[in-house]
């Protein structure tokens, strides 16, 4: 990471509901990332979970002052995204992350560096590696990582840097939300396609 990157404030917004099985691994991957924690702000936006999700998140909030829990009374993803983005004041880059996702230690740093070196780009992301838990999810994972299964979804099959239609877990310049607005709260699914 270059010296300039250390001054770039990054927020990570994680919409979730009833994710006790995964949210700890997700947050732990962020805790272990190499980005300076004094420039990192995590907002877990919970849609009124009725399992142990909130307990797991609160444990991390108590250990790390840069991790925050926000309550999403409307429960759905677009409301969660907008709540998290609105909480991300003073952040230069906002990453949208799923509660089932885990990031590589250098993911945030790489996103920041690419956005810095490509001022014409509003969003960057990496390749999505699907992980299976059993034979069924292994078959789904294989299909979702092949050209036959997903066509030209380069964030699942790409092997080189380039322009794409969409990315998973995108890192957005925060200015783009001021320019084109927030997520459409009437759309319950496919927020990345709409955006």
Protein backbone atom coordinates (compact mmCIF):
# COMPACT_ATOMS: atom_id res chain seq x y z
CA UNK A 1 0.00 0.00 0.00
CA UNK A 2 1.32 3.42 -0.87
CA UNK A 3 1.47 6.27 1.65
CA UNK A 4 -1.48 8.06 0.03
CA UNK A 5 -3.74 5.01 0.56
CA UNK A 6 -3.38 5.34 4.32
CA UNK A 7 -5.36 8.59 4.17
CA UNK A 8 -8.27 7.06 2.22
CA UNK A 9 -11.21 6.36 4.53
CA UNK A 10 -13.07 3.18 3.56
CA UNK A 11 -16.41 1.96 4.82
CA UNK A 12 -17.68 -1.58 4.47
CA UNK A 13 -21.47 -1.97 4.55
CA UNK A 14 -22.80 -5.44 5.38
CA UNK A 15 -26.57 -5.98 5.14
CA UNK A 16 -27.62 -9.01 7.18
CA UNK A 17 -30.49 -10.84 8.82
CA UNK A 18 -30.26 -14.12 10.73
CA UNK A 19 -26.64 -14.77 9.75
CA UNK A 20 -25.30 -16.34 12.97
CA UNK A 21 -23.62 -19.10 10.95
CA UNK A 22 -21.61 -16.74 8.73
CA UNK A 23 -21.34 -13.20 10.14
CA UNK A 24 -18.44 -14.04 12.48
CA UNK A 25 -16.31 -15.38 9.60
CA UNK A 26 -17.22 -12.35 7.49
CA UNK A 27 -16.22 -9.82 10.16
CA UNK A 28 -13.13 -11.82 11.15
CA UNK A 29 -11.87 -11.64 7.54
CA UNK A 30 -12.17 -7.85 7.75
CA UNK A 31 -10.40 -7.74 11.12
CA UNK A 32 -7.53 -9.71 9.54
CA UNK A 33 -7.30 -7.52 6.43
CA UNK A 34 -4.15 -5.47 5.93
CA UNK A 35 -5.86 -2.09 5.54
CA UNK A 36 -5.13 0.42 8.36
CA UNK A 37 -7.93 0.14 10.89
CA UNK A 38 -7.82 3.86 11.67
CA UNK A 39 -9.06 4.40 8.09
CA UNK A 40 -11.61 1.59 8.09
CA UNK A 41 -15.26 1.75 9.21
CA UNK A 42 -17.52 -1.31 9.18
CA UNK A 43 -21.32 -0.97 9.36
CA UNK A 44 -23.25 -4.19 9.89
CA UNK A 45 -26.86 -3.31 9.13
CA UNK A 46 -29.08 -5.91 10.75
CA UNK A 47 -32.69 -6.50 9.66
CA UNK A 48 -34.08 -7.45 13.07
CA UNK A 49 -32.39 -10.84 13.36
CA UNK A 50 -34.08 -13.27 15.72
CA UNK A 51 -31.11 -15.62 16.04
CA UNK A 52 -27.70 -14.90 17.63
CA UNK A 53 -26.45 -12.60 14.85
CA UNK A 54 -26.69 -9.45 16.95
CA UNK A 55 -24.76 -11.06 19.81
CA UNK A 56 -21.92 -11.97 17.44
CA UNK A 57 -21.83 -8.49 15.93
CA UNK A 58 -21.96 -6.78 19.33
CA UNK A 59 -18.99 -8.87 20.49
CA UNK A 60 -16.95 -7.49 17.59
CA UNK A 61 -18.23 -3.95 18.19
CA UNK A 62 -17.05 -4.20 21.80
CA UNK A 63 -13.57 -5.29 20.68
CA UNK A 64 -13.14 -2.88 17.74
CA UNK A 65 -14.32 0.72 17.83
CA UNK A 66 -14.39 0.87 14.02
CA UNK A 67 -17.13 -1.80 13.77
CA UNK A 68 -20.70 -0.57 14.22
CA UNK A 69 -24.15 -2.19 14.36
CA UNK A 70 -27.10 -0.40 12.74
CA UNK A 71 -30.70 -1.62 13.05
CA UNK A 72 -32.68 -1.94 9.82
CA UNK A 73 -36.34 -1.86 10.87
CA UNK A 74 -37.47 -2.37 7.26
CA UNK A 75 -35.49 -5.66 7.13
CA UNK A 76 -34.72 -5.71 3.39
CA UNK A 77 -31.40 -5.25 1.60
CA UNK A 78 -31.92 -1.91 -0.18
CA UNK A 79 -32.86 -0.22 3.10
CA UNK A 80 -29.81 -1.80 4.76
CA UNK A 81 -27.51 -0.60 1.98
CA UNK A 82 -28.83 2.96 2.16
CA UNK A 83 -28.63 3.06 5.96
CA UNK A 84 -25.01 1.90 5.82
CA UNK A 85 -24.07 4.32 3.04
CA UNK A 86 -25.68 7.23 4.90
CA UNK A 87 -23.72 6.26 8.03
CA UNK A 88 -20.50 6.27 6.00
CA UNK A 89 -19.97 10.00 6.26
CA UNK A 90 -16.38 11.14 5.66
CA UNK A 91 -15.56 7.92 3.77
CA UNK A 92 -13.99 8.13 0.33
CA UNK A 93 -14.82 4.56 -0.71
CA UNK A 94 -17.73 2.32 0.25
CA UNK A 95 -17.55 -1.45 -0.15
CA UNK A 96 -20.76 -3.46 -0.23
CA UNK A 97 -20.16 -6.90 1.29
CA UNK A 98 -22.49 -9.86 1.80
CA UNK A 99 -22.78 -11.42 5.24
CA UNK A 100 -21.80 -14.81 3.75
CA UNK A 101 -18.65 -13.37 2.18
CA UNK A 102 -15.08 -13.41 3.39
CA UNK A 103 -12.44 -11.15 1.87
CA UNK A 104 -8.79 -11.83 1.17
CA UNK A 105 -6.41 -9.88 3.45
CA UNK A 106 -5.41 -7.52 0.62
CA UNK A 107 -8.87 -7.01 -0.92
CA UNK A 108 -9.52 -3.53 0.53
CA UNK A 109 -5.99 -2.36 -0.24
CA UNK A 110 -6.20 -3.62 -3.82
CA UNK A 111 -9.56 -1.90 -4.36
CA UNK A 112 -8.23 1.40 -3.02
CA UNK A 113 -5.08 1.19 -5.14
CA UNK A 114 -7.00 0.40 -8.33
CA UNK A 115 -9.47 3.23 -7.77
CA UNK A 116 -6.56 5.60 -7.17
CA UNK A 117 -4.80 4.54 -10.35
CA UNK A 118 -8.01 4.69 -12.47
CA UNK A 119 -9.80 7.97 -11.72
CA UNK A 120 -12.30 7.30 -14.53
CA UNK A 121 -13.67 4.22 -12.75
CA UNK A 122 -16.49 4.49 -10.17
CA UNK A 123 -16.45 0.89 -8.88
CA UNK A 124 -14.00 -2.01 -8.73
CA UNK A 125 -14.16 -5.56 -7.47
CA UNK A 126 -12.46 -8.91 -7.68
CA UNK A 127 -13.20 -12.47 -8.66
CA UNK A 128 -15.84 -14.26 -6.60
CA UNK A 129 -14.62 -17.66 -5.42
CA UNK A 130 -17.56 -19.85 -4.44
CA UNK A 131 -16.98 -22.21 -1.52
CA UNK A 132 -19.07 -25.34 -1.13
CA UNK A 133 -20.25 -27.00 2.07
CA UNK A 134 -21.61 -30.27 0.63
CA UNK A 135 -22.11 -32.12 -2.68
CA UNK A 136 -25.12 -30.00 -3.68
CA UNK A 137 -23.40 -26.68 -3.06
CA UNK A 138 -20.27 -28.04 -4.74
CA UNK A 139 -22.27 -28.68 -7.93
CA UNK A 140 -23.83 -25.22 -7.73
CA UNK A 141 -20.41 -23.67 -7.09
CA UNK A 142 -18.95 -25.43 -10.13
CA UNK A 143 -21.81 -24.25 -12.34
CA UNK A 144 -21.62 -20.68 -11.03
CA UNK A 145 -17.88 -20.55 -11.78
CA UNK A 146 -18.12 -21.75 -15.39
CA UNK A 147 -18.88 -19.94 -18.65
CA UNK A 148 -21.63 -22.47 -19.28
CA UNK A 149 -23.31 -21.67 -15.97
CA UNK A 150 -22.99 -17.87 -15.88
CA UNK A 151 -22.11 -16.74 -19.40
CA UNK A 152 -20.13 -13.53 -19.43
CA UNK A 153 -20.34 -12.78 -15.68
CA UNK A 154 -16.64 -11.94 -15.56
CA UNK A 155 -16.59 -11.42 -11.80
CA UNK A 156 -17.12 -15.19 -11.55
CA UNK A 157 -14.96 -16.36 -14.46
CA UNK A 158 -12.54 -13.54 -15.29
CA UNK A 159 -8.81 -14.04 -15.22
CA UNK A 160 -7.59 -10.55 -16.04
CA UNK A 161 -8.24 -6.92 -15.23
CA UNK A 162 -10.77 -5.12 -17.41
CA UNK A 163 -14.12 -3.39 -17.70
CA UNK A 164 -17.21 -5.41 -16.76
CA UNK A 165 -20.97 -4.90 -16.42
CA UNK A 166 -21.08 -5.59 -12.69
CA UNK A 167 -18.93 -6.88 -9.84
CA UNK A 168 -19.62 -8.76 -6.65
CA UNK A 169 -18.86 -6.88 -3.43
CA UNK A 170 -17.98 -3.69 -5.27
CA UNK A 171 -15.83 -0.90 -3.88
CA UNK A 172 -17.55 2.34 -4.94
CA UNK A 173 -16.24 5.87 -4.86
CA UNK A 174 -18.56 7.41 -2.28
CA UNK A 175 -19.09 10.38 -4.60
CA UNK A 176 -21.07 8.16 -6.97
CA UNK A 177 -23.91 7.97 -4.43
CA UNK A 178 -24.17 11.77 -4.44
CA UNK A 179 -24.05 11.80 -8.25
CA UNK A 180 -26.67 9.16 -9.08
CA UNK A 181 -28.44 8.54 -5.78
CA UNK A 182 -28.80 5.58 -3.48
CA UNK A 183 -30.29 2.13 -4.01
CA UNK A 184 -33.93 1.83 -5.10
CA UNK A 185 -35.74 0.75 -1.94
CA UNK A 186 -38.63 -0.74 -3.95
CA UNK A 187 -36.31 -3.41 -5.40
CA UNK A 188 -35.99 -6.27 -2.94
CA UNK A 189 -33.49 -8.19 -5.14
CA UNK A 190 -30.84 -7.47 -7.82
CA UNK A 191 -29.58 -4.19 -6.34
CA UNK A 192 -26.21 -4.58 -8.08
CA UNK A 193 -27.89 -4.93 -11.49
CA UNK A 194 -30.11 -1.91 -10.84
CA UNK A 195 -27.23 0.19 -9.60
